[in-house]
Amino acid sequence: MSIRPLRHADLAALLAHLDRDRHDAMVAEPAATPPIVAMWVRASVGRPGASAQAEYQRRRAAERAAWWVTVPWRVAVVLAAGGAAGLLATALVPRLGGLAGVVAAAGLAWLLRFRPSTDTQAWRRGAAGERRTARLLTLLERRGWAVLHDLALPGTQANIDCDDPRRGGHGEV
């Protein structure tokens, strides 16, 4: 993330990218009053971590759907392992056979439970980090800075506070 004052060139580039037609019309037609380049504001724009949270939810839903396809064989394996452990324990210690079967089945079910991948978890942690950073940036807002959070750039996968090169490069302003 990069925090610096918005320069005139940055604003012009952002406006040109966000709304080319409107910006071109503003430049082509002389305005009665000069456009406002910067103003003193006490606000933030956007929702911190929104795109990272949405990506986390999308990935998690896809992974969960793929996991549900495997549930029948997982249930079969858990039941078979519990039955085998119960029979083996009954042969060794007859009174503990049922308990051993239940414990073995529960342990295997725990190992085979749904867990999002580390890449998916990274998106969740990234969204949480952006929200924590936004809370810290309220100090800048109190001093008149405009803080831009997670603003999508139309026609690209990048956003203003994006620093992940897989998602469109560095979009800091």
C-alpha atoms as a PDB file:
ATOM      1  CA  MET A   1       0.000   0.000   0.000  1.00  0.00           C
ATOM      2  CA  SER A   2       1.182   3.486  -0.719  1.00  0.00           C
ATOM      3  CA  ILE A   3      -0.087   6.600   1.021  1.00  0.00           C
ATOM      4  CA  ARG A   4       0.680   9.941  -0.501  1.00  0.00           C
ATOM      5  CA  PRO A   5      -1.183  13.088  -1.512  1.00  0.00           C
ATOM      6  CA  LEU A   6      -3.117  12.857  -4.764  1.00  0.00           C
ATOM      7  CA  ARG A   7      -1.306  14.912  -7.408  1.00  0.00           C
ATOM      8  CA  HIS A   8      -3.038  16.644 -10.286  1.00  0.00           C
ATOM      9  CA  ALA A   9      -1.532  14.160 -12.751  1.00  0.00           C
ATOM     10  CA  ASP A  10      -2.765  11.234 -10.641  1.00  0.00           C
ATOM     11  CA  LEU A  11      -6.266  12.660 -10.525  1.00  0.00           C
ATOM     12  CA  ALA A  12      -6.282  13.305 -14.266  1.00  0.00           C
ATOM     13  CA  ALA A  13      -5.098   9.755 -14.999  1.00  0.00           C
ATOM     14  CA  LEU A  14      -7.709   8.295 -12.657  1.00  0.00           C
ATOM     15  CA  LEU A  15     -10.498  10.364 -14.153  1.00  0.00           C
ATOM     16  CA  ALA A  16      -9.388   9.486 -17.666  1.00  0.00           C
ATOM     17  CA  HIS A  17      -9.413   5.815 -16.846  1.00  0.00           C
ATOM     18  CA  LEU A  18     -12.680   5.793 -14.901  1.00  0.00           C
ATOM     19  CA  ASP A  19     -14.740   7.856 -17.274  1.00  0.00           C
ATOM     20  CA  ARG A  20     -12.981   8.494 -20.568  1.00  0.00           C
ATOM     21  CA  ASP A  21     -15.980   9.889 -22.416  1.00  0.00           C
ATOM     22  CA  ARG A  22     -16.981  12.273 -19.648  1.00  0.00           C
ATOM     23  CA  HIS A  23     -13.400  13.358 -19.011  1.00  0.00           C
ATOM     24  CA  ASP A  24     -12.775  13.901 -22.748  1.00  0.00           C
ATOM     25  CA  ALA A  25     -15.917  16.007 -22.946  1.00  0.00           C
ATOM     26  CA  MET A  26     -14.739  18.093 -19.967  1.00  0.00           C
ATOM     27  CA  VAL A  27     -11.362  18.687 -21.586  1.00  0.00           C
ATOM     28  CA  ALA A  28     -12.796  19.374 -25.070  1.00  0.00           C
ATOM     29  CA  GLU A  29     -15.436  21.867 -23.917  1.00  0.00           C
ATOM     30  CA  PRO A  30     -14.187  24.886 -22.014  1.00  0.00           C
ATOM     31  CA  ALA A  31     -15.983  25.077 -18.682  1.00  0.00           C
ATOM     32  CA  ALA A  32     -17.343  28.290 -17.211  1.00  0.00           C
ATOM     33  CA  THR A  33     -15.521  27.587 -13.962  1.00  0.00           C
ATOM     34  CA  PRO A  34     -12.278  25.695 -13.632  1.00  0.00           C
ATOM     35  CA  PRO A  35     -12.705  22.123 -12.383  1.00  0.00           C
ATOM     36  CA  ILE A  36     -11.950  21.418  -8.733  1.00  0.00           C
ATOM     37  CA  VAL A  37      -8.707  19.490  -8.584  1.00  0.00           C
ATOM     38  CA  ALA A  38      -8.607  18.880  -4.844  1.00  0.00           C
ATOM     39  CA  MET A  39     -10.704  19.711  -1.866  1.00  0.00           C
ATOM     40  CA  TRP A  40     -10.513  19.336   1.870  1.00  0.00           C
ATOM     41  CA  VAL A  41     -12.578  16.311   2.883  1.00  0.00           C
ATOM     42  CA  ARG A  42     -13.165  14.319   6.009  1.00  0.00           C
ATOM     43  CA  ALA A  43     -14.331  11.037   4.579  1.00  0.00           C
ATOM     44  CA  SER A  44     -13.237   7.773   3.119  1.00  0.00           C
ATOM     45  CA  VAL A  45     -14.499   6.223  -0.068  1.00  0.00           C
ATOM     46  CA  GLY A  46     -15.110   2.525  -0.632  1.00  0.00           C
ATOM     47  CA  ARG A  47     -15.359  -0.491   1.638  1.00  0.00           C
ATOM     48  CA  PRO A  48     -11.992  -1.761   2.916  1.00  0.00           C
ATOM     49  CA  GLY A  49     -11.259  -5.340   1.909  1.00  0.00           C
ATOM     50  CA  ALA A  50     -14.499  -5.766  -0.039  1.00  0.00           C
ATOM     51  CA  SER A  51     -12.972  -7.356  -3.132  1.00  0.00           C
ATOM     52  CA  ALA A  52     -10.668  -9.625  -1.101  1.00  0.00           C
ATOM     53  CA  GLN A  53     -13.626 -10.752   1.044  1.00  0.00           C
ATOM     54  CA  ALA A  54     -15.716 -11.408  -2.083  1.00  0.00           C
ATOM     55  CA  GLU A  55     -12.863 -13.433  -3.615  1.00  0.00           C
ATOM     56  CA  TYR A  56     -12.534 -15.429  -0.374  1.00  0.00           C
ATOM     57  CA  GLN A  57     -16.258 -16.203  -0.367  1.00  0.00           C
ATOM     58  CA  ARG A  58     -16.238 -17.155  -4.055  1.00  0.00           C
ATOM     59  CA  ARG A  59     -13.262 -19.488  -3.619  1.00  0.00           C
ATOM     60  CA  ARG A  60     -14.641 -21.014  -0.417  1.00  0.00           C
ATOM     61  CA  ALA A  61     -18.004 -21.713  -2.061  1.00  0.00           C
ATOM     62  CA  ALA A  62     -16.278 -23.388  -5.024  1.00  0.00           C
ATOM     63  CA  GLU A  63     -14.096 -25.505  -2.725  1.00  0.00           C
ATOM     64  CA  ARG A  64     -17.068 -26.470  -0.557  1.00  0.00           C
ATOM     65  CA  ALA A  65     -19.063 -27.510  -3.650  1.00  0.00           C
ATOM     66  CA  ALA A  66     -16.143 -29.694  -4.781  1.00  0.00           C
ATOM     67  CA  TRP A  67     -15.862 -31.150  -1.254  1.00  0.00           C
ATOM     68  CA  TRP A  68     -19.574 -32.060  -1.153  1.00  0.00           C
ATOM     69  CA  VAL A  69     -19.074 -34.223  -4.238  1.00  0.00           C
ATOM     70  CA  THR A  70     -16.655 -36.365  -2.192  1.00  0.00           C
ATOM     71  CA  VAL A  71     -18.912 -36.746   0.882  1.00  0.00           C
ATOM     72  CA  PRO A  72     -20.265 -40.207  -0.048  1.00  0.00           C
ATOM     73  CA  TRP A  73     -16.826 -41.826  -0.192  1.00  0.00           C
ATOM     74  CA  ARG A  74     -15.759 -39.958   2.944  1.00  0.00           C
ATOM     75  CA  VAL A  75     -18.753 -41.326   4.860  1.00  0.00           C
ATOM     76  CA  ALA A  76     -18.024 -44.836   3.564  1.00  0.00           C
ATOM     77  CA  VAL A  77     -14.373 -44.607   4.641  1.00  0.00           C
ATOM     78  CA  VAL A  78     -15.296 -43.280   8.105  1.00  0.00           C
ATOM     79  CA  LEU A  79     -17.873 -46.057   8.660  1.00  0.00           C
ATOM     80  CA  ALA A  80     -15.483 -48.747   7.415  1.00  0.00           C
ATOM     81  CA  ALA A  81     -12.631 -47.470   9.602  1.00  0.00           C
ATOM     82  CA  GLY A  82     -14.914 -47.274  12.642  1.00  0.00           C
ATOM     83  CA  GLY A  83     -16.200 -50.802  12.029  1.00  0.00           C
ATOM     84  CA  ALA A  84     -12.698 -52.199  11.511  1.00  0.00           C
ATOM     85  CA  ALA A  85     -11.355 -50.462  14.626  1.00  0.00           C
ATOM     86  CA  GLY A  86     -14.348 -51.725  16.627  1.00  0.00           C
ATOM     87  CA  LEU A  87     -13.846 -55.331  15.465  1.00  0.00           C
ATOM     88  CA  LEU A  88     -10.113 -55.194  16.159  1.00  0.00           C
ATOM     89  CA  ALA A  89     -10.636 -53.702  19.620  1.00  0.00           C
ATOM     90  CA  THR A  90     -13.364 -56.295  20.403  1.00  0.00           C
ATOM     91  CA  ALA A  91     -10.880 -59.072  19.632  1.00  0.00           C
ATOM     92  CA  LEU A  92      -8.323 -57.530  22.005  1.00  0.00           C
ATOM     93  CA  VAL A  93     -10.533 -56.003  24.749  1.00  0.00           C
ATOM     94  CA  PRO A  94     -14.191 -56.999  24.244  1.00  0.00           C
ATOM     95  CA  ARG A  95     -15.696 -54.308  26.499  1.00  0.00           C
ATOM     96  CA  LEU A  96     -13.966 -51.431  24.617  1.00  0.00           C
ATOM     97  CA  GLY A  97     -14.787 -52.499  21.051  1.00  0.00           C
ATOM     98  CA  GLY A  98     -17.720 -50.108  20.559  1.00  0.00           C
ATOM     99  CA  LEU A  99     -15.880 -47.167  22.112  1.00  0.00           C
ATOM    100  CA  ALA A 100     -12.776 -47.786  19.993  1.00  0.00           C
ATOM    101  CA  GLY A 101     -14.910 -47.905  16.844  1.00  0.00           C
ATOM    102  CA  VAL A 102     -16.641 -44.614  17.672  1.00  0.00           C
ATOM    103  CA  VAL A 103     -13.350 -42.899  18.570  1.00  0.00           C
ATOM    104  CA  ALA A 104     -11.673 -44.110  15.366  1.00  0.00           C
ATOM    105  CA  ALA A 105     -14.622 -42.992  13.219  1.00  0.00           C
ATOM    106  CA  ALA A 106     -14.796 -39.580  14.922  1.00  0.00           C
ATOM    107  CA  GLY A 107     -11.041 -39.026  14.534  1.00  0.00           C
ATOM    108  CA  LEU A 108     -11.081 -39.915  10.851  1.00  0.00           C
ATOM    109  CA  ALA A 109     -14.184 -37.763  10.260  1.00  0.00           C
ATOM    110  CA  TRP A 110     -12.316 -34.861  11.882  1.00  0.00           C
ATOM    111  CA  LEU A 111      -9.366 -35.363   9.534  1.00  0.00           C
ATOM    112  CA  LEU A 112     -11.644 -35.530   6.476  1.00  0.00           C
ATOM    113  CA  ARG A 113     -13.714 -32.434   7.371  1.00  0.00           C
ATOM    114  CA  PHE A 114     -13.979 -29.418   5.055  1.00  0.00           C
ATOM    115  CA  ARG A 115     -11.134 -26.934   5.326  1.00  0.00           C
ATOM    116  CA  PRO A 116     -10.561 -24.085   2.858  1.00  0.00           C
ATOM    117  CA  SER A 117      -7.177 -24.154   1.118  1.00  0.00           C
ATOM    118  CA  THR A 118      -4.319 -21.972   2.306  1.00  0.00           C
ATOM    119  CA  ASP A 119      -4.716 -19.753  -0.781  1.00  0.00           C
ATOM    120  CA  THR A 120      -8.386 -19.203   0.054  1.00  0.00           C
ATOM    121  CA  GLN A 121      -7.545 -18.474   3.689  1.00  0.00           C
ATOM    122  CA  ALA A 122      -4.972 -15.929   2.499  1.00  0.00           C
ATOM    123  CA  TRP A 123      -7.777 -13.940   0.811  1.00  0.00           C
ATOM    124  CA  ARG A 124      -9.720 -13.918   4.112  1.00  0.00           C
ATOM    125  CA  ARG A 125      -6.654 -12.762   6.035  1.00  0.00           C
ATOM    126  CA  GLY A 126      -5.980 -10.107   3.383  1.00  0.00           C
ATOM    127  CA  ALA A 127      -9.504  -8.721   3.722  1.00  0.00           C
ATOM    128  CA  ALA A 128      -9.149  -8.620   7.508  1.00  0.00           C
ATOM    129  CA  GLY A 129      -5.790  -6.836   7.152  1.00  0.00           C
ATOM    130  CA  GLU A 130      -7.327  -4.208   4.872  1.00  0.00           C
ATOM    131  CA  ARG A 131     -10.084  -3.607   7.439  1.00  0.00           C
ATOM    132  CA  ARG A 132      -7.527  -3.240  10.254  1.00  0.00           C
ATOM    133  CA  THR A 133      -5.466  -0.854   8.118  1.00  0.00           C
ATOM    134  CA  ALA A 134      -8.593   1.191   7.387  1.00  0.00           C
ATOM    135  CA  ARG A 135      -9.180   1.645  11.119  1.00  0.00           C
ATOM    136  CA  LEU A 136      -5.648   3.020  11.432  1.00  0.00           C
ATOM    137  CA  LEU A 137      -6.166   5.351   8.474  1.00  0.00           C
ATOM    138  CA  THR A 138      -8.986   7.148  10.270  1.00  0.00           C
ATOM    139  CA  LEU A 139      -6.218   9.285  11.781  1.00  0.00           C
ATOM    140  CA  LEU A 140      -5.459  10.595   8.292  1.00  0.00           C
ATOM    141  CA  GLU A 141      -9.150  11.241   7.650  1.00  0.00           C
ATOM    142  CA  ARG A 142      -9.302  13.411  10.763  1.00  0.00           C
ATOM    143  CA  ARG A 143      -6.489  15.508   9.307  1.00  0.00           C
ATOM    144  CA  GLY A 144      -8.341  16.094   6.044  1.00  0.00           C
ATOM    145  CA  TRP A 145      -7.056  13.275   3.870  1.00  0.00           C
ATOM    146  CA  ALA A 146      -9.406  11.381   1.604  1.00  0.00           C
ATOM    147  CA  VAL A 147      -8.818   7.661   2.008  1.00  0.00           C
ATOM    148  CA  LEU A 148      -9.733   5.445  -0.928  1.00  0.00           C
ATOM    149  CA  HIS A 149     -10.526   1.826  -0.143  1.00  0.00           C
ATOM    150  CA  ASP A 150     -10.894  -0.975  -2.663  1.00  0.00           C
ATOM    151  CA  LEU A 151     -12.171   1.093  -5.588  1.00  0.00           C
ATOM    152  CA  ALA A 152     -12.549  -1.034  -8.708  1.00  0.00           C
ATOM    153  CA  LEU A 153     -11.056   0.208 -11.938  1.00  0.00           C
ATOM    154  CA  PRO A 154     -13.580  -0.455 -14.729  1.00  0.00           C
ATOM    155  CA  GLY A 155     -12.444  -2.834 -17.420  1.00  0.00           C
ATOM    156  CA  THR A 156      -9.690  -4.358 -15.268  1.00  0.00           C
ATOM    157  CA  GLN A 157      -9.358  -6.696 -12.306  1.00  0.00           C
ATOM    158  CA  ALA A 158      -7.320  -4.084 -10.423  1.00  0.00           C
ATOM    159  CA  ASN A 159      -8.466  -1.825  -7.666  1.00  0.00           C
ATOM    160  CA  ILE A 160      -7.008   1.307  -6.097  1.00  0.00           C
ATOM    161  CA  ASP A 161      -5.472  -0.372  -3.055  1.00  0.00           C
ATOM    162  CA  CYS A 162      -4.473  -3.536  -4.902  1.00  0.00           C
ATOM    163  CA  ASP A 163      -0.893  -4.683  -4.424  1.00  0.00           C
ATOM    164  CA  ASP A 164      -1.283  -8.264  -5.671  1.00  0.00           C
ATOM    165  CA  PRO A 165       0.312  -8.506  -9.144  1.00  0.00           C
ATOM    166  CA  ARG A 166      -1.931 -11.501  -9.985  1.00  0.00           C
ATOM    167  CA  ARG A 167      -4.936  -9.159  -9.762  1.00  0.00           C
ATOM    168  CA  GLY A 168      -3.790  -6.423 -12.103  1.00  0.00           C
ATOM    169  CA  GLY A 169      -0.642  -4.910 -10.718  1.00  0.00           C
ATOM    170  CA  HIS A 170      -0.086  -2.032  -8.395  1.00  0.00           C
ATOM    171  CA  GLY A 171      -3.033   0.327  -8.284  1.00  0.00           C
ATOM    172  CA  GLU A 172      -1.977   2.521  -5.398  1.00  0.00           C
ATOM    173  CA  VAL A 173      -2.780   6.197  -5.557  1.00  0.00           C
END
